[in-house]
Amino acid sequence: MADIPKSLNFRTANADDASALQQLIQAAFRAEDIDIAHIAKTVTDPDGDFLIASNEAGDVVATIAVSKREPDLARIFMLAVDQRWQQAGLGRQVLAYAEEYCQRTWGVTRLGLDALSTRQKLISWYLRRGYLETGETKPFPRDAYSDLDLPEDLVFVQFEKSISPLDV
């Protein structure tokens, strides 16, 4: 295993980062279907950003996307950590940075995200980070994955977390 980064440096992604982000997300998600157009759209959206975490050498080690959805609500999605450093605590640091970024940038007091209903370890991880299930679900886009044998009850479970406004 590569050395765990001692500190992370964060920046917002730009259009030139889209391809590298796609590769990182596809490797972390173990999926080949991440649409670069969706990544590029988020990078250029005035109410959204991809945040990039790099190590001391400047290598991109993780990313997370954020989007303002309502005056007091931001959504967090596509948290991806380089496979070499998964389970090393980087995801927790990246998520915490994204939460603070949403507070500082948009002044939101609520954060939302979703997780696949079959990802019990991930759901438990989000619960430990203070996210609570809202009781709502979103359907999984089965049509886009008609060639896969998917569980009949597969859905996205919705989570939300209340945060205090930052003193400015």
C-alpha atoms as a PDB file:
ATOM      1  CA  MET A   1       0.000   0.000   0.000  1.00  0.00           C
ATOM      2  CA  ALA A   2       1.260   3.467  -0.860  1.00  0.00           C
ATOM      3  CA  ASP A   3       2.078   5.839   1.959  1.00  0.00           C
ATOM      4  CA  ILE A   4      -1.040   7.448   3.379  1.00  0.00           C
ATOM      5  CA  PRO A   5      -0.998  11.188   2.655  1.00  0.00           C
ATOM      6  CA  LYS A   6      -0.085  13.109   5.802  1.00  0.00           C
ATOM      7  CA  SER A   7      -2.106  16.143   4.747  1.00  0.00           C
ATOM      8  CA  LEU A   8      -4.544  16.970   2.001  1.00  0.00           C
ATOM      9  CA  ASN A   9      -4.640  20.076  -0.136  1.00  0.00           C
ATOM     10  CA  PHE A  10      -8.030  21.047  -1.577  1.00  0.00           C
ATOM     11  CA  ARG A  11      -9.047  23.014  -4.631  1.00  0.00           C
ATOM     12  CA  THR A  12     -12.032  23.284  -6.926  1.00  0.00           C
ATOM     13  CA  ALA A  13     -11.827  21.443 -10.216  1.00  0.00           C
ATOM     14  CA  ASN A  14     -11.776  23.138 -13.595  1.00  0.00           C
ATOM     15  CA  ALA A  15     -12.716  21.871 -17.057  1.00  0.00           C
ATOM     16  CA  ASP A  16      -9.202  20.488 -17.592  1.00  0.00           C
ATOM     17  CA  ASP A  17      -9.720  18.121 -14.619  1.00  0.00           C
ATOM     18  CA  ALA A  18     -12.805  16.334 -16.009  1.00  0.00           C
ATOM     19  CA  SER A  19     -10.970  13.396 -17.589  1.00  0.00           C
ATOM     20  CA  ALA A  20      -8.803  12.738 -14.513  1.00  0.00           C
ATOM     21  CA  LEU A  21     -11.882  12.950 -12.277  1.00  0.00           C
ATOM     22  CA  GLN A  22     -13.720  10.480 -14.495  1.00  0.00           C
ATOM     23  CA  GLN A  23     -10.835   8.003 -14.208  1.00  0.00           C
ATOM     24  CA  LEU A  24     -10.609   8.388 -10.419  1.00  0.00           C
ATOM     25  CA  ILE A  25     -14.372   7.997  -9.933  1.00  0.00           C
ATOM     26  CA  GLN A  26     -14.622   5.002 -12.252  1.00  0.00           C
ATOM     27  CA  ALA A  27     -11.741   3.263 -10.465  1.00  0.00           C
ATOM     28  CA  ALA A  28     -13.104   4.044  -6.995  1.00  0.00           C
ATOM     29  CA  PHE A  29     -16.671   3.011  -7.917  1.00  0.00           C
ATOM     30  CA  ARG A  30     -15.384   0.032  -9.922  1.00  0.00           C
ATOM     31  CA  ALA A  31     -17.668   1.166 -12.760  1.00  0.00           C
ATOM     32  CA  GLU A  32     -16.992   2.131 -16.344  1.00  0.00           C
ATOM     33  CA  ASP A  33     -20.180   4.133 -16.897  1.00  0.00           C
ATOM     34  CA  ILE A  34     -19.411   7.495 -15.301  1.00  0.00           C
ATOM     35  CA  ASP A  35     -20.381  10.136 -17.859  1.00  0.00           C
ATOM     36  CA  ILE A  36     -17.660  12.736 -18.438  1.00  0.00           C
ATOM     37  CA  ALA A  37     -20.351  15.155 -19.681  1.00  0.00           C
ATOM     38  CA  HIS A  38     -21.998  15.013 -16.229  1.00  0.00           C
ATOM     39  CA  ILE A  39     -18.656  15.720 -14.571  1.00  0.00           C
ATOM     40  CA  ALA A  40     -17.935  18.621 -16.933  1.00  0.00           C
ATOM     41  CA  LYS A  41     -21.420  20.053 -16.339  1.00  0.00           C
ATOM     42  CA  THR A  42     -20.920  20.009 -12.559  1.00  0.00           C
ATOM     43  CA  VAL A  43     -17.465  21.590 -12.898  1.00  0.00           C
ATOM     44  CA  THR A  44     -18.909  24.521 -14.871  1.00  0.00           C
ATOM     45  CA  ASP A  45     -22.206  24.864 -12.937  1.00  0.00           C
ATOM     46  CA  PRO A  46     -22.297  28.106 -10.900  1.00  0.00           C
ATOM     47  CA  ASP A  47     -24.200  26.214  -8.169  1.00  0.00           C
ATOM     48  CA  GLY A  48     -21.929  23.179  -8.151  1.00  0.00           C
ATOM     49  CA  ASP A  49     -18.317  22.147  -7.844  1.00  0.00           C
ATOM     50  CA  PHE A  50     -16.065  19.145  -7.815  1.00  0.00           C
ATOM     51  CA  LEU A  51     -13.588  19.451  -4.976  1.00  0.00           C
ATOM     52  CA  ILE A  52     -10.212  17.811  -5.456  1.00  0.00           C
ATOM     53  CA  ALA A  53      -7.967  16.530  -2.667  1.00  0.00           C
ATOM     54  CA  SER A  54      -4.292  16.046  -3.454  1.00  0.00           C
ATOM     55  CA  ASN A  55      -1.363  14.750  -1.435  1.00  0.00           C
ATOM     56  CA  GLU A  56       1.904  16.518  -0.643  1.00  0.00           C
ATOM     57  CA  ALA A  57       3.299  15.598  -4.078  1.00  0.00           C
ATOM     58  CA  GLY A  58       0.283  17.102  -5.850  1.00  0.00           C
ATOM     59  CA  ASP A  59      -1.251  13.758  -6.863  1.00  0.00           C
ATOM     60  CA  VAL A  60      -5.059  13.707  -6.886  1.00  0.00           C
ATOM     61  CA  VAL A  61      -6.122  11.202  -4.219  1.00  0.00           C
ATOM     62  CA  ALA A  62      -9.840  11.946  -3.819  1.00  0.00           C
ATOM     63  CA  THR A  63     -12.751  13.995  -5.088  1.00  0.00           C
ATOM     64  CA  ILE A  64     -16.287  14.898  -4.076  1.00  0.00           C
ATOM     65  CA  ALA A  65     -19.004  16.855  -5.845  1.00  0.00           C
ATOM     66  CA  VAL A  66     -21.281  19.429  -4.209  1.00  0.00           C
ATOM     67  CA  SER A  67     -24.305  21.264  -5.521  1.00  0.00           C
ATOM     68  CA  LYS A  68     -26.548  23.941  -4.026  1.00  0.00           C
ATOM     69  CA  ARG A  69     -30.158  22.808  -4.434  1.00  0.00           C
ATOM     70  CA  GLU A  70     -32.148  25.211  -2.245  1.00  0.00           C
ATOM     71  CA  PRO A  71     -31.216  28.334  -0.262  1.00  0.00           C
ATOM     72  CA  ASP A  72     -30.483  26.176   2.798  1.00  0.00           C
ATOM     73  CA  LEU A  73     -29.705  22.791   1.174  1.00  0.00           C
ATOM     74  CA  ALA A  74     -26.664  21.426  -0.651  1.00  0.00           C
ATOM     75  CA  ARG A  75     -26.242  17.917  -2.044  1.00  0.00           C
ATOM     76  CA  ILE A  76     -23.050  15.915  -1.798  1.00  0.00           C
ATOM     77  CA  PHE A  77     -22.315  13.192  -4.328  1.00  0.00           C
ATOM     78  CA  MET A  78     -19.611  11.174  -6.076  1.00  0.00           C
ATOM     79  CA  LEU A  79     -17.246  10.876  -3.125  1.00  0.00           C
ATOM     80  CA  ALA A  80     -14.337   8.911  -4.569  1.00  0.00           C
ATOM     81  CA  VAL A  81     -11.016   7.988  -2.971  1.00  0.00           C
ATOM     82  CA  ASP A  82      -8.122   6.485  -4.912  1.00  0.00           C
ATOM     83  CA  GLN A  83      -8.216   2.719  -4.311  1.00  0.00           C
ATOM     84  CA  ARG A  84      -4.707   2.797  -2.846  1.00  0.00           C
ATOM     85  CA  TRP A  85      -5.965   4.861   0.099  1.00  0.00           C
ATOM     86  CA  GLN A  86      -9.497   3.593   0.636  1.00  0.00           C
ATOM     87  CA  GLN A  87     -10.146   2.667   4.262  1.00  0.00           C
ATOM     88  CA  ALA A  88      -7.369   5.050   5.399  1.00  0.00           C
ATOM     89  CA  GLY A  89      -9.574   7.880   6.690  1.00  0.00           C
ATOM     90  CA  LEU A  90      -9.314  10.108   3.617  1.00  0.00           C
ATOM     91  CA  GLY A  91     -13.025   9.841   2.836  1.00  0.00           C
ATOM     92  CA  ARG A  92     -13.872  11.254   6.265  1.00  0.00           C
ATOM     93  CA  GLN A  93     -11.516  14.216   5.672  1.00  0.00           C
ATOM     94  CA  VAL A  94     -12.895  14.877   2.194  1.00  0.00           C
ATOM     95  CA  LEU A  95     -16.509  14.692   3.382  1.00  0.00           C
ATOM     96  CA  ALA A  96     -15.777  17.082   6.280  1.00  0.00           C
ATOM     97  CA  TYR A  97     -14.114  19.522   3.879  1.00  0.00           C
ATOM     98  CA  ALA A  98     -17.112  19.350   1.508  1.00  0.00           C
ATOM     99  CA  GLU A  99     -19.521  20.043   4.378  1.00  0.00           C
ATOM    100  CA  GLU A 100     -17.516  23.085   5.475  1.00  0.00           C
ATOM    101  CA  TYR A 101     -17.172  24.244   1.857  1.00  0.00           C
ATOM    102  CA  CYS A 102     -20.967  24.170   1.409  1.00  0.00           C
ATOM    103  CA  GLN A 103     -21.431  26.150   4.629  1.00  0.00           C
ATOM    104  CA  ARG A 104     -18.803  28.732   3.691  1.00  0.00           C
ATOM    105  CA  THR A 105     -19.716  29.057   0.000  1.00  0.00           C
ATOM    106  CA  TRP A 106     -23.512  28.915   0.095  1.00  0.00           C
ATOM    107  CA  GLY A 107     -24.440  29.402   3.751  1.00  0.00           C
ATOM    108  CA  VAL A 108     -26.507  26.213   3.812  1.00  0.00           C
ATOM    109  CA  THR A 109     -27.723  24.594   7.022  1.00  0.00           C
ATOM    110  CA  ARG A 110     -28.695  21.220   5.562  1.00  0.00           C
ATOM    111  CA  LEU A 111     -26.759  18.671   3.536  1.00  0.00           C
ATOM    112  CA  GLY A 112     -28.287  15.835   1.576  1.00  0.00           C
ATOM    113  CA  LEU A 113     -26.915  12.745  -0.111  1.00  0.00           C
ATOM    114  CA  ASP A 114     -27.992   9.298  -1.161  1.00  0.00           C
ATOM    115  CA  ALA A 115     -26.577   5.784  -1.128  1.00  0.00           C
ATOM    116  CA  LEU A 116     -27.558   2.561  -2.853  1.00  0.00           C
ATOM    117  CA  SER A 117     -29.766   0.470  -0.608  1.00  0.00           C
ATOM    118  CA  THR A 118     -27.454  -2.531  -1.042  1.00  0.00           C
ATOM    119  CA  ARG A 119     -24.381  -0.659   0.289  1.00  0.00           C
ATOM    120  CA  GLN A 120     -24.903  -1.339   3.999  1.00  0.00           C
ATOM    121  CA  LYS A 121     -21.313  -0.513   5.027  1.00  0.00           C
ATOM    122  CA  LEU A 122     -21.523   2.846   3.244  1.00  0.00           C
ATOM    123  CA  ILE A 123     -24.919   3.571   4.813  1.00  0.00           C
ATOM    124  CA  SER A 124     -23.480   2.811   8.259  1.00  0.00           C
ATOM    125  CA  TRP A 125     -20.520   5.069   7.490  1.00  0.00           C
ATOM    126  CA  TYR A 126     -22.832   7.983   6.597  1.00  0.00           C
ATOM    127  CA  LEU A 127     -24.859   7.379   9.758  1.00  0.00           C
ATOM    128  CA  ARG A 128     -21.641   7.616  11.806  1.00  0.00           C
ATOM    129  CA  ARG A 129     -20.914  10.937  10.065  1.00  0.00           C
ATOM    130  CA  GLY A 130     -24.215  12.340  11.393  1.00  0.00           C
ATOM    131  CA  TYR A 131     -26.445  11.805   8.357  1.00  0.00           C
ATOM    132  CA  LEU A 132     -29.946  10.498   9.039  1.00  0.00           C
ATOM    133  CA  GLU A 133     -32.238   8.589   6.724  1.00  0.00           C
ATOM    134  CA  THR A 134     -35.115  10.806   5.614  1.00  0.00           C
ATOM    135  CA  GLY A 135     -37.413   7.853   4.942  1.00  0.00           C
ATOM    136  CA  GLU A 136     -37.472   8.749   1.260  1.00  0.00           C
ATOM    137  CA  THR A 137     -35.966   6.804  -1.613  1.00  0.00           C
ATOM    138  CA  LYS A 138     -35.308   7.459  -5.289  1.00  0.00           C
ATOM    139  CA  PRO A 139     -35.698   4.773  -7.916  1.00  0.00           C
ATOM    140  CA  PHE A 140     -32.557   3.293  -9.404  1.00  0.00           C
ATOM    141  CA  PRO A 141     -32.357   4.026 -13.180  1.00  0.00           C
ATOM    142  CA  ARG A 142     -32.903   0.413 -14.254  1.00  0.00           C
ATOM    143  CA  ASP A 143     -33.289   1.280 -17.940  1.00  0.00           C
ATOM    144  CA  ALA A 144     -29.670   2.444 -18.103  1.00  0.00           C
ATOM    145  CA  TYR A 145     -28.500  -0.903 -16.685  1.00  0.00           C
ATOM    146  CA  SER A 146     -30.896  -3.340 -18.322  1.00  0.00           C
ATOM    147  CA  ASP A 147     -28.021  -5.759 -19.023  1.00  0.00           C
ATOM    148  CA  LEU A 148     -27.323  -6.219 -15.285  1.00  0.00           C
ATOM    149  CA  ASP A 149     -29.076  -8.571 -12.895  1.00  0.00           C
ATOM    150  CA  LEU A 150     -30.178  -6.048 -10.263  1.00  0.00           C
ATOM    151  CA  PRO A 151     -32.071  -6.695  -7.027  1.00  0.00           C
ATOM    152  CA  GLU A 152     -35.771  -5.917  -7.424  1.00  0.00           C
ATOM    153  CA  ASP A 153     -35.758  -3.621  -4.384  1.00  0.00           C
ATOM    154  CA  LEU A 154     -32.671  -1.599  -5.395  1.00  0.00           C
ATOM    155  CA  VAL A 155     -33.188   2.119  -4.662  1.00  0.00           C
ATOM    156  CA  PHE A 156     -31.239   5.154  -3.547  1.00  0.00           C
ATOM    157  CA  VAL A 157     -31.773   5.822   0.168  1.00  0.00           C
ATOM    158  CA  GLN A 158     -31.985   9.544   0.974  1.00  0.00           C
ATOM    159  CA  PHE A 159     -29.998  11.054   3.866  1.00  0.00           C
ATOM    160  CA  GLU A 160     -29.848  14.496   5.382  1.00  0.00           C
ATOM    161  CA  LYS A 161     -27.726  16.244   7.990  1.00  0.00           C
ATOM    162  CA  SER A 162     -28.379  19.554   9.751  1.00  0.00           C
ATOM    163  CA  ILE A 163     -25.363  21.788  10.231  1.00  0.00           C
ATOM    164  CA  SER A 164     -24.909  25.062  12.064  1.00  0.00           C
ATOM    165  CA  PRO A 165     -24.416  28.197  10.006  1.00  0.00           C
ATOM    166  CA  LEU A 166     -20.875  29.531  10.021  1.00  0.00           C
ATOM    167  CA  ASP A 167     -20.200  32.767  11.875  1.00  0.00           C
ATOM    168  CA  VAL A 168     -18.897  35.252   9.357  1.00  0.00           C
END
